Amino acid sequence: AVVCGAFGPTRDLTHTDPAVHENCFAYIRACFELCNAVGA
């Protein structure tokens, strides 16, 4: 497996609102956990 993320307006690390960054960090962390689970 290869795991790819999907990055829309609520997952934007260059957004003016730091809360959006935190949402993106949480999403990426969940993707990392999926990578670990499937061997990516």
ModelCIF file with pLDDT and N, C-alpha, C, O atoms, coordinates in Angstrom:
data_MODEL
#
_entry.id   MODEL 
#
_entity.id                         1 
_entity.type                       polymer 
_entity.pdbx_number_of_molecules   1 
#
_entity_poly.entity_id                      1 
_entity_poly.type                           'polypeptide(L)' 
_entity_poly.nstd_linkage                   no 
_entity_poly.nstd_monomer                   no 
_entity_poly.pdbx_seq_one_letter_code       AVVCGAFGPTRDLTHTDPAVHENCFAYIRACFELCNAVGA 
_entity_poly.pdbx_seq_one_letter_code_can   AVVCGAFGPTRDLTHTDPAVHENCFAYIRACFELCNAVGA 
_entity_poly.pdbx_strand_id                 A 
#
loop_
_entity_poly_seq.entity_id 
_entity_poly_seq.num 
_entity_poly_seq.mon_id 
_entity_poly_seq.hetero 
1 1  ALA n 
1 2  VAL n 
1 3  VAL n 
1 4  CYS n 
1 5  GLY n 
1 6  ALA n 
1 7  PHE n 
1 8  GLY n 
1 9  PRO n 
1 10 THR n 
1 11 ARG n 
1 12 ASP n 
1 13 LEU n 
1 14 THR n 
1 15 HIS n 
1 16 THR n 
1 17 ASP n 
1 18 PRO n 
1 19 ALA n 
1 20 VAL n 
1 21 HIS n 
1 22 GLU n 
1 23 ASN n 
1 24 CYS n 
1 25 PHE n 
1 26 ALA n 
1 27 TYR n 
1 28 ILE n 
1 29 ARG n 
1 30 ALA n 
1 31 CYS n 
1 32 PHE n 
1 33 GLU n 
1 34 LEU n 
1 35 CYS n 
1 36 ASN n 
1 37 ALA n 
1 38 VAL n 
1 39 GLY n 
1 40 ALA n 
#
_struct_asym.id          A 
_struct_asym.entity_id   1 
#
loop_
_ma_qa_metric.id 
_ma_qa_metric.mode 
_ma_qa_metric.name 
_ma_qa_metric.software_group_id 
_ma_qa_metric.type 
1 global pLDDT . pLDDT 
2 local  pLDDT . pLDDT 
#
_ma_qa_metric_global.metric_id      1 
_ma_qa_metric_global.metric_value   97.65 
_ma_qa_metric_global.model_id       1 
_ma_qa_metric_global.ordinal_id     1 
#
loop_
_ma_qa_metric_local.label_asym_id 
_ma_qa_metric_local.label_comp_id 
_ma_qa_metric_local.label_seq_id 
_ma_qa_metric_local.metric_id 
_ma_qa_metric_local.metric_value 
_ma_qa_metric_local.model_id 
_ma_qa_metric_local.ordinal_id 
A ALA 1  2 98.00 1 1  
A VAL 2  2 98.00 1 2  
A VAL 3  2 98.00 1 3  
A CYS 4  2 98.00 1 4  
A GLY 5  2 98.00 1 5  
A ALA 6  2 97.00 1 6  
A PHE 7  2 97.00 1 7  
A GLY 8  2 95.00 1 8  
A PRO 9  2 96.00 1 9  
A THR 10 2 97.00 1 10 
A ARG 11 2 98.00 1 11 
A ASP 12 2 98.00 1 12 
A LEU 13 2 98.00 1 13 
A THR 14 2 97.00 1 14 
A HIS 15 2 97.00 1 15 
A THR 16 2 95.00 1 16 
A ASP 17 2 97.00 1 17 
A PRO 18 2 97.00 1 18 
A ALA 19 2 98.00 1 19 
A VAL 20 2 98.00 1 20 
A HIS 21 2 98.00 1 21 
A GLU 22 2 98.00 1 22 
A ASN 23 2 98.00 1 23 
A CYS 24 2 98.00 1 24 
A PHE 25 2 98.00 1 25 
A ALA 26 2 98.00 1 26 
A TYR 27 2 98.00 1 27 
A ILE 28 2 98.00 1 28 
A ARG 29 2 98.00 1 29 
A ALA 30 2 98.00 1 30 
A CYS 31 2 98.00 1 31 
A PHE 32 2 99.00 1 32 
A GLU 33 2 98.00 1 33 
A LEU 34 2 98.00 1 34 
A CYS 35 2 98.00 1 35 
A ASN 36 2 98.00 1 36 
A ALA 37 2 98.00 1 37 
A VAL 38 2 98.00 1 38 
A GLY 39 2 98.00 1 39 
A ALA 40 2 98.00 1 40 
#
loop_
_atom_site.group_PDB 
_atom_site.id 
_atom_site.type_symbol 
_atom_site.label_atom_id 
_atom_site.label_alt_id 
_atom_site.label_comp_id 
_atom_site.label_asym_id 
_atom_site.label_entity_id 
_atom_site.label_seq_id 
_atom_site.pdbx_PDB_ins_code 
_atom_site.Cartn_x 
_atom_site.Cartn_y 
_atom_site.Cartn_z 
_atom_site.occupancy 
_atom_site.B_iso_or_equiv 
_atom_site.pdbx_formal_charge 
_atom_site.auth_seq_id 
_atom_site.auth_comp_id 
_atom_site.auth_asym_id 
_atom_site.auth_atom_id 
_atom_site.pdbx_PDB_model_num 
ATOM 1   N N  . ALA A 1 1  ? 0.816   -1.217 0.000  1.00 98.00 ? 1  ALA A N  1 
ATOM 2   C CA . ALA A 1 1  ? 0.000   0.000  0.000  1.00 98.00 ? 1  ALA A CA 1 
ATOM 3   C C  . ALA A 1 1  ? 0.844   1.258  0.000  1.00 98.00 ? 1  ALA A C  1 
ATOM 4   O O  . ALA A 1 1  ? 1.915   1.319  0.604  1.00 98.00 ? 1  ALA A O  1 
ATOM 5   N N  . VAL A 1 2  ? 0.328   2.264  -0.698 1.00 98.00 ? 2  VAL A N  1 
ATOM 6   C CA . VAL A 1 2  ? 0.772   3.649  -0.569 1.00 98.00 ? 2  VAL A CA 1 
ATOM 7   C C  . VAL A 1 2  ? -0.438  4.431  -0.082 1.00 98.00 ? 2  VAL A C  1 
ATOM 8   O O  . VAL A 1 2  ? -1.548  4.223  -0.571 1.00 98.00 ? 2  VAL A O  1 
ATOM 9   N N  . VAL A 1 3  ? -0.235  5.326  0.874  1.00 98.00 ? 3  VAL A N  1 
ATOM 10  C CA . VAL A 1 3  ? -1.333  6.139  1.402  1.00 98.00 ? 3  VAL A CA 1 
ATOM 11  C C  . VAL A 1 3  ? -1.133  7.590  0.975  1.00 98.00 ? 3  VAL A C  1 
ATOM 12  O O  . VAL A 1 3  ? -0.054  8.158  1.142  1.00 98.00 ? 3  VAL A O  1 
ATOM 13  N N  . CYS A 1 4  ? -2.196  8.182  0.418  1.00 98.00 ? 4  CYS A N  1 
ATOM 14  C CA . CYS A 1 4  ? -2.168  9.572  -0.022 1.00 98.00 ? 4  CYS A CA 1 
ATOM 15  C C  . CYS A 1 4  ? -3.208  10.378 0.746  1.00 98.00 ? 4  CYS A C  1 
ATOM 16  O O  . CYS A 1 4  ? -4.319  9.907  0.987  1.00 98.00 ? 4  CYS A O  1 
ATOM 17  N N  . GLY A 1 5  ? -2.839  11.585 1.124  1.00 98.00 ? 5  GLY A N  1 
ATOM 18  C CA . GLY A 1 5  ? -3.762  12.456 1.821  1.00 98.00 ? 5  GLY A CA 1 
ATOM 19  C C  . GLY A 1 5  ? -4.567  13.315 0.864  1.00 98.00 ? 5  GLY A C  1 
ATOM 20  O O  . GLY A 1 5  ? -4.201  13.490 -0.298 1.00 98.00 ? 5  GLY A O  1 
ATOM 21  N N  . ALA A 1 6  ? -5.678  13.850 1.374  1.00 97.00 ? 6  ALA A N  1 
ATOM 22  C CA . ALA A 1 6  ? -6.552  14.739 0.605  1.00 97.00 ? 6  ALA A CA 1 
ATOM 23  C C  . ALA A 1 6  ? -6.664  16.060 1.377  1.00 97.00 ? 6  ALA A C  1 
ATOM 24  O O  . ALA A 1 6  ? -7.068  16.077 2.539  1.00 97.00 ? 6  ALA A O  1 
ATOM 25  N N  . PHE A 1 7  ? -6.304  17.149 0.721  1.00 97.00 ? 7  PHE A N  1 
ATOM 26  C CA . PHE A 1 7  ? -6.159  18.424 1.435  1.00 97.00 ? 7  PHE A CA 1 
ATOM 27  C C  . PHE A 1 7  ? -7.061  19.495 0.839  1.00 97.00 ? 7  PHE A C  1 
ATOM 28  O O  . PHE A 1 7  ? -6.765  20.084 -0.200 1.00 97.00 ? 7  PHE A O  1 
ATOM 29  N N  . GLY A 1 8  ? -8.174  19.727 1.534  1.00 95.00 ? 8  GLY A N  1 
ATOM 30  C CA . GLY A 1 8  ? -9.129  20.755 1.150  1.00 95.00 ? 8  GLY A CA 1 
ATOM 31  C C  . GLY A 1 8  ? -9.029  21.955 2.074  1.00 95.00 ? 8  GLY A C  1 
ATOM 32  O O  . GLY A 1 8  ? -8.073  22.060 2.842  1.00 95.00 ? 8  GLY A O  1 
ATOM 33  N N  . PRO A 1 9  ? -9.997  22.866 2.017  1.00 96.00 ? 9  PRO A N  1 
ATOM 34  C CA . PRO A 1 9  ? -9.927  24.124 2.770  1.00 96.00 ? 9  PRO A CA 1 
ATOM 35  C C  . PRO A 1 9  ? -9.816  23.959 4.284  1.00 96.00 ? 9  PRO A C  1 
ATOM 36  O O  . PRO A 1 9  ? -9.270  24.839 4.950  1.00 96.00 ? 9  PRO A O  1 
ATOM 37  N N  . THR A 1 10 ? -10.314 22.869 4.841  1.00 97.00 ? 10 THR A N  1 
ATOM 38  C CA . THR A 1 10 ? -10.215 22.675 6.297  1.00 97.00 ? 10 THR A CA 1 
ATOM 39  C C  . THR A 1 10 ? -8.917  21.989 6.700  1.00 97.00 ? 10 THR A C  1 
ATOM 40  O O  . THR A 1 10 ? -8.681  21.750 7.884  1.00 97.00 ? 10 THR A O  1 
ATOM 41  N N  . ARG A 1 11 ? -8.069  21.671 5.714  1.00 98.00 ? 11 ARG A N  1 
ATOM 42  C CA . ARG A 1 11 ? -6.771  21.022 5.972  1.00 98.00 ? 11 ARG A CA 1 
ATOM 43  C C  . ARG A 1 11 ? -5.687  21.811 5.247  1.00 98.00 ? 11 ARG A C  1 
ATOM 44  O O  . ARG A 1 11 ? -5.044  21.314 4.323  1.00 98.00 ? 11 ARG A O  1 
ATOM 45  N N  . ASP A 1 12 ? -5.503  23.030 5.680  1.00 98.00 ? 12 ASP A N  1 
ATOM 46  C CA . ASP A 1 12 ? -4.645  23.971 4.964  1.00 98.00 ? 12 ASP A CA 1 
ATOM 47  C C  . ASP A 1 12 ? -3.594  24.533 5.920  1.00 98.00 ? 12 ASP A C  1 
ATOM 48  O O  . ASP A 1 12 ? -3.904  25.334 6.801  1.00 98.00 ? 12 ASP A O  1 
ATOM 49  N N  . LEU A 1 13 ? -2.344  24.098 5.729  1.00 98.00 ? 13 LEU A N  1 
ATOM 50  C CA . LEU A 1 13 ? -1.271  24.522 6.622  1.00 98.00 ? 13 LEU A CA 1 
ATOM 51  C C  . LEU A 1 13 ? -0.788  25.938 6.361  1.00 98.00 ? 13 LEU A C  1 
ATOM 52  O O  . LEU A 1 13 ? 0.084   26.426 7.079  1.00 98.00 ? 13 LEU A O  1 
ATOM 53  N N  . THR A 1 14 ? -1.335  26.614 5.349  1.00 97.00 ? 14 THR A N  1 
ATOM 54  C CA . THR A 1 14 ? -1.006  28.025 5.132  1.00 97.00 ? 14 THR A CA 1 
ATOM 55  C C  . THR A 1 14 ? -2.226  28.933 5.346  1.00 97.00 ? 14 THR A C  1 
ATOM 56  O O  . THR A 1 14 ? -2.221  30.091 4.926  1.00 97.00 ? 14 THR A O  1 
ATOM 57  N N  . HIS A 1 15 ? -3.248  28.415 5.988  1.00 97.00 ? 15 HIS A N  1 
ATOM 58  C CA . HIS A 1 15 ? -4.442  29.212 6.296  1.00 97.00 ? 15 HIS A CA 1 
ATOM 59  C C  . HIS A 1 15 ? -4.101  30.294 7.316  1.00 97.00 ? 15 HIS A C  1 
ATOM 60  O O  . HIS A 1 15 ? -3.162  30.146 8.099  1.00 97.00 ? 15 HIS A O  1 
ATOM 61  N N  . THR A 1 16 ? -4.857  31.366 7.302  1.00 95.00 ? 16 THR A N  1 
ATOM 62  C CA . THR A 1 16 ? -4.623  32.447 8.267  1.00 95.00 ? 16 THR A CA 1 
ATOM 63  C C  . THR A 1 16 ? -5.044  32.083 9.678  1.00 95.00 ? 16 THR A C  1 
ATOM 64  O O  . THR A 1 16 ? -4.609  32.724 10.634 1.00 95.00 ? 16 THR A O  1 
ATOM 65  N N  . ASP A 1 17 ? -5.891  31.056 9.827  1.00 97.00 ? 17 ASP A N  1 
ATOM 66  C CA . ASP A 1 17 ? -6.406  30.653 11.140 1.00 97.00 ? 17 ASP A CA 1 
ATOM 67  C C  . ASP A 1 17 ? -5.615  29.456 11.663 1.00 97.00 ? 17 ASP A C  1 
ATOM 68  O O  . ASP A 1 17 ? -5.658  28.387 11.054 1.00 97.00 ? 17 ASP A O  1 
ATOM 69  N N  . PRO A 1 18 ? -4.897  29.607 12.772 1.00 97.00 ? 18 PRO A N  1 
ATOM 70  C CA . PRO A 1 18 ? -4.135  28.490 13.322 1.00 97.00 ? 18 PRO A CA 1 
ATOM 71  C C  . PRO A 1 18 ? -4.999  27.280 13.676 1.00 97.00 ? 18 PRO A C  1 
ATOM 72  O O  . PRO A 1 18 ? -4.499  26.155 13.716 1.00 97.00 ? 18 PRO A O  1 
ATOM 73  N N  . ALA A 1 19 ? -6.291  27.499 13.933 1.00 98.00 ? 19 ALA A N  1 
ATOM 74  C CA . ALA A 1 19 ? -7.175  26.369 14.226 1.00 98.00 ? 19 ALA A CA 1 
ATOM 75  C C  . ALA A 1 19 ? -7.273  25.427 13.021 1.00 98.00 ? 19 ALA A C  1 
ATOM 76  O O  . ALA A 1 19 ? -7.408  24.214 13.186 1.00 98.00 ? 19 ALA A O  1 
ATOM 77  N N  . VAL A 1 20 ? -7.204  25.985 11.821 1.00 98.00 ? 20 VAL A N  1 
ATOM 78  C CA . VAL A 1 20 ? -7.215  25.151 10.623 1.00 98.00 ? 20 VAL A CA 1 
ATOM 79  C C  . VAL A 1 20 ? -5.937  24.320 10.550 1.00 98.00 ? 20 VAL A C  1 
ATOM 80  O O  . VAL A 1 20 ? -5.971  23.162 10.133 1.00 98.00 ? 20 VAL A O  1 
ATOM 81  N N  . HIS A 1 21 ? -4.814  24.907 10.952 1.00 98.00 ? 21 HIS A N  1 
ATOM 82  C CA . HIS A 1 21 ? -3.562  24.146 10.998 1.00 98.00 ? 21 HIS A CA 1 
ATOM 83  C C  . HIS A 1 21 ? -3.709  22.959 11.940 1.00 98.00 ? 21 HIS A C  1 
ATOM 84  O O  . HIS A 1 21 ? -3.315  21.841 11.608 1.00 98.00 ? 21 HIS A O  1 
ATOM 85  N N  . GLU A 1 22 ? -4.274  23.206 13.105 1.00 98.00 ? 22 GLU A N  1 
ATOM 86  C CA . GLU A 1 22 ? -4.409  22.126 14.093 1.00 98.00 ? 22 GLU A CA 1 
ATOM 87  C C  . GLU A 1 22 ? -5.302  21.018 13.558 1.00 98.00 ? 22 GLU A C  1 
ATOM 88  O O  . GLU A 1 22 ? -5.039  19.839 13.797 1.00 98.00 ? 22 GLU A O  1 
ATOM 89  N N  . ASN A 1 23 ? -6.352  21.383 12.839 1.00 98.00 ? 23 ASN A N  1 
ATOM 90  C CA . ASN A 1 23 ? -7.217  20.379 12.232 1.00 98.00 ? 23 ASN A CA 1 
ATOM 91  C C  . ASN A 1 23 ? -6.438  19.541 11.220 1.00 98.00 ? 23 ASN A C  1 
ATOM 92  O O  . ASN A 1 23 ? -6.611  18.326 11.129 1.00 98.00 ? 23 ASN A O  1 
ATOM 93  N N  . CYS A 1 24 ? -5.577  20.221 10.463 1.00 98.00 ? 24 CYS A N  1 
ATOM 94  C CA . CYS A 1 24 ? -4.768  19.517 9.469  1.00 98.00 ? 24 CYS A CA 1 
ATOM 95  C C  . CYS A 1 24 ? -3.740  18.615 10.144 1.00 98.00 ? 24 CYS A C  1 
ATOM 96  O O  . CYS A 1 24 ? -3.521  17.486 9.704  1.00 98.00 ? 24 CYS A O  1 
ATOM 97  N N  . PHE A 1 25 ? -3.116  19.099 11.200 1.00 98.00 ? 25 PHE A N  1 
ATOM 98  C CA . PHE A 1 25 ? -2.167  18.251 11.940 1.00 98.00 ? 25 PHE A CA 1 
ATOM 99  C C  . PHE A 1 25 ? -2.855  16.981 12.452 1.00 98.00 ? 25 PHE A C  1 
ATOM 100 O O  . PHE A 1 25 ? -2.294  15.889 12.367 1.00 98.00 ? 25 PHE A O  1 
ATOM 101 N N  . ALA A 1 26 ? -4.069  17.129 12.983 1.00 98.00 ? 26 ALA A N  1 
ATOM 102 C CA . ALA A 1 26 ? -4.798  15.965 13.503 1.00 98.00 ? 26 ALA A CA 1 
ATOM 103 C C  . ALA A 1 26 ? -5.126  14.992 12.377 1.00 98.00 ? 26 ALA A C  1 
ATOM 104 O O  . ALA A 1 26 ? -5.020  13.778 12.550 1.00 98.00 ? 26 ALA A O  1 
ATOM 105 N N  . TYR A 1 27 ? -5.523  15.526 11.225 1.00 98.00 ? 27 TYR A N  1 
ATOM 106 C CA . TYR A 1 27 ? -5.809  14.680 10.071 1.00 98.00 ? 27 TYR A CA 1 
ATOM 107 C C  . TYR A 1 27 ? -4.558  13.933 9.616  1.00 98.00 ? 27 TYR A C  1 
ATOM 108 O O  . TYR A 1 27 ? -4.610  12.729 9.368  1.00 98.00 ? 27 TYR A O  1 
ATOM 109 N N  . ILE A 1 28 ? -3.443  14.637 9.507  1.00 98.00 ? 28 ILE A N  1 
ATOM 110 C CA . ILE A 1 28 ? -2.202  14.006 9.073  1.00 98.00 ? 28 ILE A CA 1 
ATOM 111 C C  . ILE A 1 28 ? -1.772  12.926 10.070 1.00 98.00 ? 28 ILE A C  1 
ATOM 112 O O  . ILE A 1 28 ? -1.283  11.868 9.675  1.00 98.00 ? 28 ILE A O  1 
ATOM 113 N N  . ARG A 1 29 ? -1.956  13.196 11.340 1.00 98.00 ? 29 ARG A N  1 
ATOM 114 C CA . ARG A 1 29 ? -1.603  12.182 12.348 1.00 98.00 ? 29 ARG A CA 1 
ATOM 115 C C  . ARG A 1 29 ? -2.453  10.927 12.175 1.00 98.00 ? 29 ARG A C  1 
ATOM 116 O O  . ARG A 1 29 ? -1.947  9.813  12.307 1.00 98.00 ? 29 ARG A O  1 
ATOM 117 N N  . ALA A 1 30 ? -3.733  11.098 11.883 1.00 98.00 ? 30 ALA A N  1 
ATOM 118 C CA . ALA A 1 30 ? -4.591  9.939  11.627 1.00 98.00 ? 30 ALA A CA 1 
ATOM 119 C C  . ALA A 1 30 ? -4.111  9.179  10.391 1.00 98.00 ? 30 ALA A C  1 
ATOM 120 O O  . ALA A 1 30 ? -4.170  7.950  10.351 1.00 98.00 ? 30 ALA A O  1 
ATOM 121 N N  . CYS A 1 31 ? -3.638  9.909  9.388  1.00 98.00 ? 31 CYS A N  1 
ATOM 122 C CA . CYS A 1 31 ? -3.093  9.259  8.192  1.00 98.00 ? 31 CYS A CA 1 
ATOM 123 C C  . CYS A 1 31 ? -1.805  8.508  8.514  1.00 98.00 ? 31 CYS A C  1 
ATOM 124 O O  . CYS A 1 31 ? -1.562  7.427  7.978  1.00 98.00 ? 31 CYS A O  1 
ATOM 125 N N  . PHE A 1 32 ? -0.982  9.080  9.388  1.00 99.00 ? 32 PHE A N  1 
ATOM 126 C CA . PHE A 1 32 ? 0.237   8.374  9.808  1.00 99.00 ? 32 PHE A CA 1 
ATOM 127 C C  . PHE A 1 32 ? -0.114  7.055  10.494 1.00 99.00 ? 32 PHE A C  1 
ATOM 128 O O  . PHE A 1 32 ? 0.535   6.033  10.268 1.00 99.00 ? 32 PHE A O  1 
ATOM 129 N N  . GLU A 1 33 ? -1.138  7.093  11.323 1.00 98.00 ? 33 GLU A N  1 
ATOM 130 C CA . GLU A 1 33 ? -1.548  5.865  12.014 1.00 98.00 ? 33 GLU A CA 1 
ATOM 131 C C  . GLU A 1 33 ? -2.046  4.826  11.012 1.00 98.00 ? 33 GLU A C  1 
ATOM 132 O O  . GLU A 1 33 ? -1.804  3.630  11.181 1.00 98.00 ? 33 GLU A O  1 
ATOM 133 N N  . LEU A 1 34 ? -2.742  5.281  9.967  1.00 98.00 ? 34 LEU A N  1 
ATOM 134 C CA . LEU A 1 34 ? -3.181  4.364  8.917  1.00 98.00 ? 34 LEU A CA 1 
ATOM 135 C C  . LEU A 1 34 ? -1.969  3.798  8.182  1.00 98.00 ? 34 LEU A C  1 
ATOM 136 O O  . LEU A 1 34 ? -1.920  2.600  7.901  1.00 98.00 ? 34 LEU A O  1 
ATOM 137 N N  . CYS A 1 35 ? -0.996  4.642  7.869  1.00 98.00 ? 35 CYS A N  1 
ATOM 138 C CA . CYS A 1 35 ? 0.231   4.160  7.229  1.00 98.00 ? 35 CYS A CA 1 
ATOM 139 C C  . CYS A 1 35 ? 0.870   3.043  8.047  1.00 98.00 ? 35 CYS A C  1 
ATOM 140 O O  . CYS A 1 35 ? 1.242   1.999  7.511  1.00 98.00 ? 35 CYS A O  1 
ATOM 141 N N  . ASN A 1 36 ? 0.991   3.274  9.339  1.00 98.00 ? 36 ASN A N  1 
ATOM 142 C CA . ASN A 1 36 ? 1.576   2.250  10.201 1.00 98.00 ? 36 ASN A CA 1 
ATOM 143 C C  . ASN A 1 36 ? 0.771   0.961  10.180 1.00 98.00 ? 36 ASN A C  1 
ATOM 144 O O  . ASN A 1 36 ? 1.336   -0.133 10.188 1.00 98.00 ? 36 ASN A O  1 
ATOM 145 N N  . ALA A 1 37 ? -0.551  1.092  10.153 1.00 98.00 ? 37 ALA A N  1 
ATOM 146 C CA . ALA A 1 37 ? -1.409  -0.093 10.191 1.00 98.00 ? 37 ALA A CA 1 
ATOM 147 C C  . ALA A 1 37 ? -1.294  -0.922 8.919  1.00 98.00 ? 37 ALA A C  1 
ATOM 148 O O  . ALA A 1 37 ? -1.368  -2.149 8.974  1.00 98.00 ? 37 ALA A O  1 
ATOM 149 N N  . VAL A 1 38 ? -1.112  -0.263 7.762  1.00 98.00 ? 38 VAL A N  1 
ATOM 150 C CA . VAL A 1 38 ? -1.124  -0.995 6.493  1.00 98.00 ? 38 VAL A CA 1 
ATOM 151 C C  . VAL A 1 38 ? 0.275   -1.214 5.921  1.00 98.00 ? 38 VAL A C  1 
ATOM 152 O O  . VAL A 1 38 ? 0.423   -1.751 4.823  1.00 98.00 ? 38 VAL A O  1 
ATOM 153 N N  . GLY A 1 39 ? 1.300   -0.799 6.663  1.00 98.00 ? 39 GLY A N  1 
ATOM 154 C CA . GLY A 1 39 ? 2.664   -1.052 6.226  1.00 98.00 ? 39 GLY A CA 1 
ATOM 155 C C  . GLY A 1 39 ? 3.208   -0.074 5.206  1.00 98.00 ? 39 GLY A C  1 
ATOM 156 O O  . GLY A 1 39 ? 4.212   -0.367 4.558  1.00 98.00 ? 39 GLY A O  1 
ATOM 157 N N  . ALA A 1 40 ? 2.576   1.081  5.043  1.00 98.00 ? 40 ALA A N  1 
ATOM 158 C CA . ALA A 1 40 ? 3.102   2.111  4.150  1.00 98.00 ? 40 ALA A CA 1 
ATOM 159 C C  . ALA A 1 40 ? 4.256   2.828  4.844  1.00 98.00 ? 40 ALA A C  1 
ATOM 160 O O  . ALA A 1 40 ? 4.850   3.740  4.270  1.00 98.00 ? 40 ALA A O  1 
#
